[in-house]
Structure formats: structure tokens, C-alpha cells
C-alpha atoms as a PDB file:
ATOM      1  CA  MET A   1      -0.002   0.301   0.003  1.00  0.00           C
ATOM      2  CA  GLY A   2       1.181   3.494  -0.633  1.00  0.00           C
ATOM      3  CA  ASP A   3       2.982   2.308  -3.562  1.00  0.00           C
ATOM      4  CA  LEU A   4       0.465   2.131  -6.759  1.00  0.00           C
ATOM      5  CA  ASN A   5       2.344   4.628  -8.587  1.00  0.00           C
ATOM      6  CA  ASN A   6       5.040   2.370  -9.009  1.00  0.00           C
ATOM      7  CA  ILE A   7       2.810   0.049 -11.023  1.00  0.00           C
ATOM      8  CA  SER A   8       3.712  -0.110 -14.925  1.00  0.00           C
ATOM      9  CA  ILE A   9       0.924  -0.495 -17.032  1.00  0.00           C
ATOM     10  CA  GLY A  10       3.361  -0.491 -19.889  1.00  0.00           C
ATOM     11  CA  ALA A  11       5.317  -3.346 -18.308  1.00  0.00           C
ATOM     12  CA  ALA A  12       2.319  -5.413 -18.093  1.00  0.00           C
ATOM     13  CA  LYS A  13       1.046  -4.771 -21.785  1.00  0.00           C
ATOM     14  CA  GLN A  14       4.582  -5.726 -22.867  1.00  0.00           C
ATOM     15  CA  LEU A  15       4.609  -8.917 -20.824  1.00  0.00           C
ATOM     16  CA  ASN A  16       1.253  -9.891 -22.757  1.00  0.00           C
ATOM     17  CA  ARG A  17       2.261  -8.834 -25.880  1.00  0.00           C
ATOM     18  CA  ARG A  18       5.699 -11.037 -25.738  1.00  0.00           C
ATOM     19  CA  ALA A  19       3.683 -13.977 -24.273  1.00  0.00           C
ATOM     20  CA  LEU A  20       1.162 -13.770 -27.375  1.00  0.00           C
ATOM     21  CA  ASP A  21       4.209 -13.231 -30.058  1.00  0.00           C
ATOM     22  CA  SER A  22       5.807 -16.512 -28.759  1.00  0.00           C
ATOM     23  CA  LEU A  23       2.767 -18.063 -30.454  1.00  0.00           C
ATOM     24  CA  TYR A  24       3.354 -17.108 -33.654  1.00  0.00           C
ATOM     25  CA  ILE A  25      -0.202 -16.962 -34.692  1.00  0.00           C
ATOM     26  CA  PRO A  26      -0.865 -13.887 -37.296  1.00  0.00           C
ATOM     27  CA  SER A  27      -4.659 -14.150 -36.958  1.00  0.00           C
ATOM     28  CA  LEU A  28      -4.621 -13.784 -33.036  1.00  0.00           C
ATOM     29  CA  ILE A  29      -6.797 -11.366 -31.464  1.00  0.00           C
ATOM     30  CA  ALA A  30      -6.834 -10.145 -27.910  1.00  0.00           C
ATOM     31  CA  VAL A  31      -8.961  -7.595 -26.057  1.00  0.00           C
ATOM     32  CA  GLY A  32      -8.848  -6.708 -22.502  1.00  0.00           C
ATOM     33  CA  ALA A  33      -7.895  -4.471 -19.673  1.00  0.00           C
ATOM     34  CA  VAL A  34      -5.149  -4.268 -16.854  1.00  0.00           C
ATOM     35  CA  GLN A  35      -6.957  -4.318 -13.459  1.00  0.00           C
ATOM     36  CA  ILE A  36      -5.971  -3.543 -10.298  1.00  0.00           C
ATOM     37  CA  GLN A  37      -7.384  -5.086  -7.133  1.00  0.00           C
ATOM     38  CA  LEU A  38      -6.848  -5.046  -3.546  1.00  0.00           C
ATOM     39  CA  GLY A  39      -4.978  -8.267  -2.041  1.00  0.00           C
ATOM     40  CA  PRO A  40      -6.789 -10.391   0.416  1.00  0.00           C
ATOM     41  CA  ARG A  41      -6.971  -9.366   3.837  1.00  0.00           C
ATOM     42  CA  HIS A  42      -5.361 -12.173   5.391  1.00  0.00           C
ATOM     43  CA  LEU A  43      -2.016 -11.294   4.119  1.00  0.00           C
ATOM     44  CA  ASP A  44      -0.241  -7.789   4.137  1.00  0.00           C
ATOM     45  CA  PRO A  45      -1.978  -4.980   2.547  1.00  0.00           C
ATOM     46  CA  HIS A  46      -0.876  -5.153  -1.006  1.00  0.00           C
ATOM     47  CA  TRP A  47      -2.186  -4.201  -4.789  1.00  0.00           C
ATOM     48  CA  ILE A  48      -2.834  -6.913  -7.518  1.00  0.00           C
ATOM     49  CA  CYS A  49      -2.243  -6.315 -11.117  1.00  0.00           C
ATOM     50  CA  GLU A  50      -3.952  -8.624 -13.531  1.00  0.00           C
ATOM     51  CA  LEU A  51      -4.595  -8.888 -17.076  1.00  0.00           C
ATOM     52  CA  HIS A  52      -8.099  -9.912 -18.081  1.00  0.00           C
ATOM     53  CA  GLN A  53      -8.707 -10.507 -21.815  1.00  0.00           C
ATOM     54  CA  ILE A  54     -10.612 -12.245 -24.454  1.00  0.00           C
ATOM     55  CA  ILE A  55      -8.434 -13.901 -26.845  1.00  0.00           C
ATOM     56  CA  VAL A  56      -9.407 -15.438 -30.266  1.00  0.00           C
ATOM     57  CA  GLY A  57      -7.613 -17.659 -32.577  1.00  0.00           C
ATOM     58  CA  ALA A  58      -5.697 -19.807 -29.931  1.00  0.00           C
ATOM     59  CA  THR A  59      -6.246 -22.931 -28.126  1.00  0.00           C
ATOM     60  CA  LYS A  60      -6.508 -23.383 -24.415  1.00  0.00           C
ATOM     61  CA  GLU A  61      -3.012 -25.214 -24.171  1.00  0.00           C
ATOM     62  CA  ASP A  62      -1.249 -22.871 -26.384  1.00  0.00           C
ATOM     63  CA  LEU A  63      -2.231 -19.824 -24.022  1.00  0.00           C
ATOM     64  CA  GLU A  64      -1.320 -21.893 -20.802  1.00  0.00           C
ATOM     65  CA  ALA A  65       2.101 -22.545 -22.537  1.00  0.00           C
ATOM     66  CA  ALA A  66       2.740 -19.238 -23.632  1.00  0.00           C
ATOM     67  CA  PHE A  67       2.042 -17.674 -20.174  1.00  0.00           C
ATOM     68  CA  THR A  68       3.870 -20.361 -17.856  1.00  0.00           C
ATOM     69  CA  ARG A  69       7.420 -21.368 -17.768  1.00  0.00           C
ATOM     70  CA  SER A  70       8.501 -24.406 -19.656  1.00  0.00           C
ATOM     71  CA  TRP A  71       8.640 -26.561 -16.238  1.00  0.00           C
ATOM     72  CA  GLY A  72       5.146 -25.385 -15.637  1.00  0.00           C
ATOM     73  CA  ARG A  73       5.214 -22.549 -13.213  1.00  0.00           C
ATOM     74  CA  GLU A  74       3.678 -19.587 -14.020  1.00  0.00           C
ATOM     75  CA  HIS A  75       5.460 -16.388 -14.404  1.00  0.00           C
ATOM     76  CA  TYR A  76       6.432 -14.263 -11.353  1.00  0.00           C
ATOM     77  CA  ASP A  77       4.103 -16.675  -9.328  1.00  0.00           C
ATOM     78  CA  SER A  78       1.099 -15.704 -10.748  1.00  0.00           C
ATOM     79  CA  VAL A  79      -2.140 -17.343 -11.396  1.00  0.00           C
ATOM     80  CA  VAL A  80      -2.955 -18.269 -14.826  1.00  0.00           C
ATOM     81  CA  ARG A  81      -6.711 -19.223 -15.926  1.00  0.00           C
ATOM     82  CA  VAL A  82      -7.801 -19.895 -19.238  1.00  0.00           C
ATOM     83  CA  ARG A  83     -11.482 -20.307 -19.709  1.00  0.00           C
ATOM     84  CA  LYS A  84     -14.029 -20.818 -22.882  1.00  0.00           C
ATOM     85  CA  VAL A  85     -16.447 -18.150 -22.906  1.00  0.00           C
ATOM     86  CA  LYS A  86     -20.093 -19.274 -22.692  1.00  0.00           C
ATOM     87  CA  ASP A  87     -21.756 -15.811 -22.500  1.00  0.00           C
ATOM     88  CA  LEU A  88     -20.175 -13.337 -24.552  1.00  0.00           C
ATOM     89  CA  GLY A  89     -21.857 -10.053 -23.283  1.00  0.00           C
ATOM     90  CA  LYS A  90     -21.379 -11.018 -19.526  1.00  0.00           C
ATOM     91  CA  THR A  91     -17.686 -11.796 -20.239  1.00  0.00           C
ATOM     92  CA  ILE A  92     -16.936  -8.380 -22.087  1.00  0.00           C
ATOM     93  CA  GLY A  93     -18.822  -6.719 -19.144  1.00  0.00           C
ATOM     94  CA  ARG A  94     -16.687  -8.624 -16.720  1.00  0.00           C
ATOM     95  CA  VAL A  95     -13.467  -8.240 -18.534  1.00  0.00           C
ATOM     96  CA  LEU A  96     -13.521  -4.339 -19.413  1.00  0.00           C
ATOM     97  CA  GLN A  97     -14.756  -3.354 -15.783  1.00  0.00           C
ATOM     98  CA  LEU A  98     -12.288  -1.183 -14.394  1.00  0.00           C
ATOM     99  CA  ASP A  99     -13.512  -0.248 -10.867  1.00  0.00           C
ATOM    100  CA  LEU A 100     -11.756  -0.922  -7.653  1.00  0.00           C
ATOM    101  CA  LYS A 101     -12.767  -4.338  -5.881  1.00  0.00           C
ATOM    102  CA  GLY A 102     -11.025  -6.873  -3.947  1.00  0.00           C
ATOM    103  CA  TRP A 103      -9.147  -9.548  -5.597  1.00  0.00           C
ATOM    104  CA  GLN A 104     -10.932 -13.199  -5.614  1.00  0.00           C
ATOM    105  CA  HIS A 105      -8.880 -16.379  -6.492  1.00  0.00           C
ATOM    106  CA  PRO A 106     -10.408 -18.029  -9.629  1.00  0.00           C
ATOM    107  CA  ASP A 107     -11.036 -21.295  -7.832  1.00  0.00           C
ATOM    108  CA  ALA A 108     -12.075 -19.914  -4.374  1.00  0.00           C
ATOM    109  CA  ALA A 109     -15.570 -18.995  -3.859  1.00  0.00           C
ATOM    110  CA  LEU A 110     -14.721 -16.655  -0.898  1.00  0.00           C
ATOM    111  CA  ASP A 111     -15.688 -12.683  -1.361  1.00  0.00           C
ATOM    112  CA  GLY A 112     -12.902 -10.433  -2.205  1.00  0.00           C
ATOM    113  CA  ALA A 113     -11.927  -7.694   0.524  1.00  0.00           C
ATOM    114  CA  VAL A 114     -13.840  -4.462   0.530  1.00  0.00           C
ATOM    115  CA  PRO A 115     -11.897  -1.189  -0.236  1.00  0.00           C
ATOM    116  CA  THR A 116     -11.422   1.246   2.757  1.00  0.00           C
ATOM    117  CA  GLN A 117     -11.622   5.203   2.267  1.00  0.00           C
ATOM    118  CA  GLU A 118      -7.746   5.415   2.346  1.00  0.00           C
ATOM    119  CA  GLU A 119      -7.299   2.645  -0.482  1.00  0.00           C
ATOM    120  CA  ARG A 120     -10.082   4.401  -2.526  1.00  0.00           C
ATOM    121  CA  GLN A 121      -8.277   7.570  -2.445  1.00  0.00           C
ATOM    122  CA  GLU A 122      -4.936   6.025  -3.298  1.00  0.00           C
ATOM    123  CA  PHE A 123      -6.525   4.374  -6.177  1.00  0.00           C
ATOM    124  CA  TYR A 124      -8.368   7.339  -7.509  1.00  0.00           C
ATOM    125  CA  ARG A 125      -5.323   9.416  -7.271  1.00  0.00           C
ATOM    126  CA  TRP A 126      -3.135   6.866  -9.443  1.00  0.00           C
ATOM    127  CA  LEU A 127      -6.397   6.571 -11.791  1.00  0.00           C
ATOM    128  CA  ILE A 128      -6.267  10.784 -12.285  1.00  0.00           C
ATOM    129  CA  GLY A 129      -2.443  10.215 -13.129  1.00  0.00           C
ATOM    130  CA  THR A 130      -2.909   7.681 -15.824  1.00  0.00           C
ATOM    131  CA  LYS A 131      -3.754   8.395 -19.302  1.00  0.00           C
ATOM    132  CA  THR A 132      -7.332   7.701 -20.679  1.00  0.00           C
ATOM    133  CA  GLY A 133      -7.660   4.419 -22.064  1.00  0.00           C
ATOM    134  CA  SER A 134      -4.081   3.417 -21.237  1.00  0.00           C
ATOM    135  CA  ARG A 135      -5.412   0.608 -19.369  1.00  0.00           C
ATOM    136  CA  PHE A 136      -6.951  -0.979 -22.231  1.00  0.00           C
ATOM    137  CA  ILE A 137      -5.380  -4.070 -24.257  1.00  0.00           C
ATOM    138  CA  ARG A 138      -5.515  -4.510 -27.820  1.00  0.00           C
ATOM    139  CA  TYR A 139      -3.372  -6.947 -29.687  1.00  0.00           C
ATOM    140  CA  GLY A 140      -3.881  -7.911 -33.441  1.00  0.00           C
ATOM    141  CA  CYS A 141      -6.556  -5.000 -34.008  1.00  0.00           C
ATOM    142  CA  ASP A 142      -6.403  -1.570 -34.591  1.00  0.00           C
ATOM    143  CA  ARG A 143      -8.579   1.160 -31.969  1.00  0.00           C
ATOM    144  CA  TYR A 144     -11.640   0.357 -34.043  1.00  0.00           C
ATOM    145  CA  LEU A 145     -11.255  -3.426 -33.508  1.00  0.00           C
ATOM    146  CA  HIS A 146     -10.863  -4.097 -37.019  1.00  0.00           C
ATOM    147  CA  PRO A 147      -8.105  -7.216 -37.457  1.00  0.00           C
ATOM    148  CA  LEU A 148      -4.224  -6.105 -38.484  1.00  0.00           C
ATOM    149  CA  ASN A 149      -3.190  -7.979 -41.628  1.00  0.00           C
ATOM    150  CA  LYS A 150       0.082  -9.512 -40.511  1.00  0.00           C
ATOM    151  CA  ALA A 151       2.699 -11.665 -42.329  1.00  0.00           C
ATOM    152  CA  PRO A 152       3.390 -14.840 -40.924  1.00  0.00           C
ATOM    153  CA  ARG A 153       6.571 -14.798 -39.167  1.00  0.00           C
ATOM    154  CA  THR A 154       9.682 -16.517 -40.738  1.00  0.00           C
ATOM    155  CA  ILE A 155      11.291 -18.790 -38.173  1.00  0.00           C
ATOM    156  CA  ARG A 156      14.917 -18.950 -39.135  1.00  0.00           C
ATOM    157  CA  PRO A 157      16.915 -21.647 -37.489  1.00  0.00           C
ATOM    158  CA  LYS A 158      20.189 -20.420 -35.612  1.00  0.00           C
ATOM    159  CA  THR A 159      23.273 -21.513 -37.816  1.00  0.00           C
ATOM    160  CA  TYR A 160      26.165 -21.657 -35.298  1.00  0.00           C
ATOM    161  CA  LYS A 161      29.803 -20.732 -36.485  1.00  0.00           C
ATOM    162  CA  PRO A 162      31.920 -23.700 -35.999  1.00  0.00           C
ATOM    163  CA  ARG A 163      34.802 -22.988 -33.888  1.00  0.00           C
ATOM    164  CA  PRO A 164      38.204 -24.291 -35.285  1.00  0.00           C
ATOM    165  CA  HIS A 165      40.135 -26.762 -33.270  1.00  0.00           C
ATOM    166  CA  PRO A 166      43.765 -25.170 -32.479  1.00  0.00           C
ATOM    167  CA  VAL A 167      46.198 -27.710 -34.133  1.00  0.00           C
ATOM    168  CA  TRP A 168      49.139 -25.645 -33.617  1.00  0.00           C
ATOM    169  CA  LEU A 169      48.677 -26.051 -29.723  1.00  0.00           C
ATOM    170  CA  THR A 170      48.230 -29.805 -29.839  1.00  0.00           C
ATOM    171  CA  LYS A 171      51.663 -30.609 -28.644  1.00  0.00           C
ATOM    172  CA  TYR A 172      51.009 -28.220 -25.699  1.00  0.00           C
ATOM    173  CA  MET A 173      47.609 -29.775 -24.501  1.00  0.00           C
ATOM    174  CA  PHE A 174      47.195 -31.872 -21.218  1.00  0.00           C
ATOM    175  CA  GLY A 175      48.491 -35.773 -22.002  1.00  0.00           C
ATOM    176  CA  ASN A 176      50.161 -34.780 -25.483  1.00  0.00           C
ATOM    177  CA  ARG A 177      53.681 -34.642 -24.365  1.00  0.00           C
ATOM    178  CA  GLU A 178      56.054 -36.269 -22.535  1.00  0.00           C
ATOM    179  CA  GLN A 179      55.353 -35.814 -18.705  1.00  0.00           C
ATOM    180  CA  PRO A 180      57.828 -36.048 -15.502  1.00  0.00           C
ATOM    181  CA  LEU A 181      57.239 -38.695 -13.130  1.00  0.00           C
ATOM    182  CA  ARG A 182      55.996 -37.539  -9.556  1.00  0.00           C
ATOM    183  CA  GLY A 183      58.918 -37.226  -7.374  1.00  0.00           C
ATOM    184  CA  PHE A 184      61.581 -37.090  -9.925  1.00  0.00           C
ATOM    185  CA  LYS A 185      63.247 -33.707 -11.686  1.00  0.00           C
ATOM    186  CA  ALA A 186      62.372 -32.883 -15.222  1.00  0.00           C
ATOM    187  CA  SER A 187      65.715 -34.271 -16.417  1.00  0.00           C
ATOM    188  CA  GLY A 188      65.064 -37.621 -15.153  1.00  0.00           C
ATOM    189  CA  PHE A 189      62.570 -40.413 -15.376  1.00  0.00           C
ATOM    190  CA  TYR A 190      59.674 -39.600 -18.194  1.00  0.00           C
ATOM    191  CA  ARG A 191      56.263 -41.422 -18.547  1.00  0.00           C
ATOM    192  CA  ARG A 192      55.242 -42.197 -21.911  1.00  0.00           C
ATOM    193  CA  ARG A 193      51.575 -41.799 -23.150  1.00  0.00           C
ATOM    194  CA  LEU A 194      50.656 -45.489 -24.296  1.00  0.00           C
END
């Protein structure tokens, strides 16, 4: 609490864009908003930043893989939930709702925290300082929600330059020259490589 001005909406949008870019689907369209919510009351008071969006053109498995790490753990210990839209009107209203509310875990039936007057003041002071429309997310479409014509990405395999073997240093490499036996001086007995 008190650090809401340190939240970067641009960083949240960039994280989202990188995750969706990693799918390499030119026809993918996403519309949503950056939600700022209160953390649960049983923890220390804090703000939670979430991305709520409606995505068309990708499967559930692809989206979960884009927003999670390769070993199955979410980025930044976050909660990633992908659900199929059943009622589009209600979903659009819920995704684009930008008012202040308490965070609720998607799997729990508990009600979120009710904001206090000080928390509302901090939220509205932060909201006044943000640009109009900066919390909305658009990916793959313009400001009128028309799809963008994007060329498919070309994936070029990386070619690694072969490293030359230093043939001129072979005689100095370990095991390629006569070594003195331990305990004897260099002028004495030698061990030959077999």
C-alpha cells in the first residue's frame, strides 16, 4: 500500500505482448484490460495487477504454455486461468470493468476484500494520473477493433559458426607431451603416453 504509483501498465502490456508473440499466430486477436485489485485481507495489504482479456485464435493449451514457464510454473508466481467463453456479453462486461474491487482467487468461492476509504483515495489519485484508455489491451487489431493484416513470421534456424580446433597447440595440450614422473626432476624419468 502506498506504492500504487510504481505499477507500470506498460510493463504489463509488454509482458502480455511477448507471451502472445511467442505463439506465432498472425490471426490472433486479444482485447482486454489491466485490472488493479486489492490483495486478500489475511495477507499484508498490497495491490494486485492482473490482465483480463478475451483472446480469439489460440487454443487453451497454447495460451497456458505462452504464459507459463517451460517447467509448468507460472511467471512471477501468478495465477494463469484460461476459460472458454459461454456468455459473450457478460464476459465482455466483466473483462472491461475497471472499478476498484478486492481480488478473488479464480478457484475459491470467497468474497474479495472491501476497499477502505484510504485505499479508494490512493486508487483514484493513481487513476487521475494515468492516461485515458491506457489500461485497455488490444493485440492484433486497431483501435476500431478491425483485425490487422500481419504477415506470418519466418522462423530462421540459428546457424552456429564452427570453432576451429587449434592444431598448432596440440603438442602443448594436457596428455600430448612427455610428462615427468612425480617425485623426480624434469631431467630424470619420463612417463610416455601409451
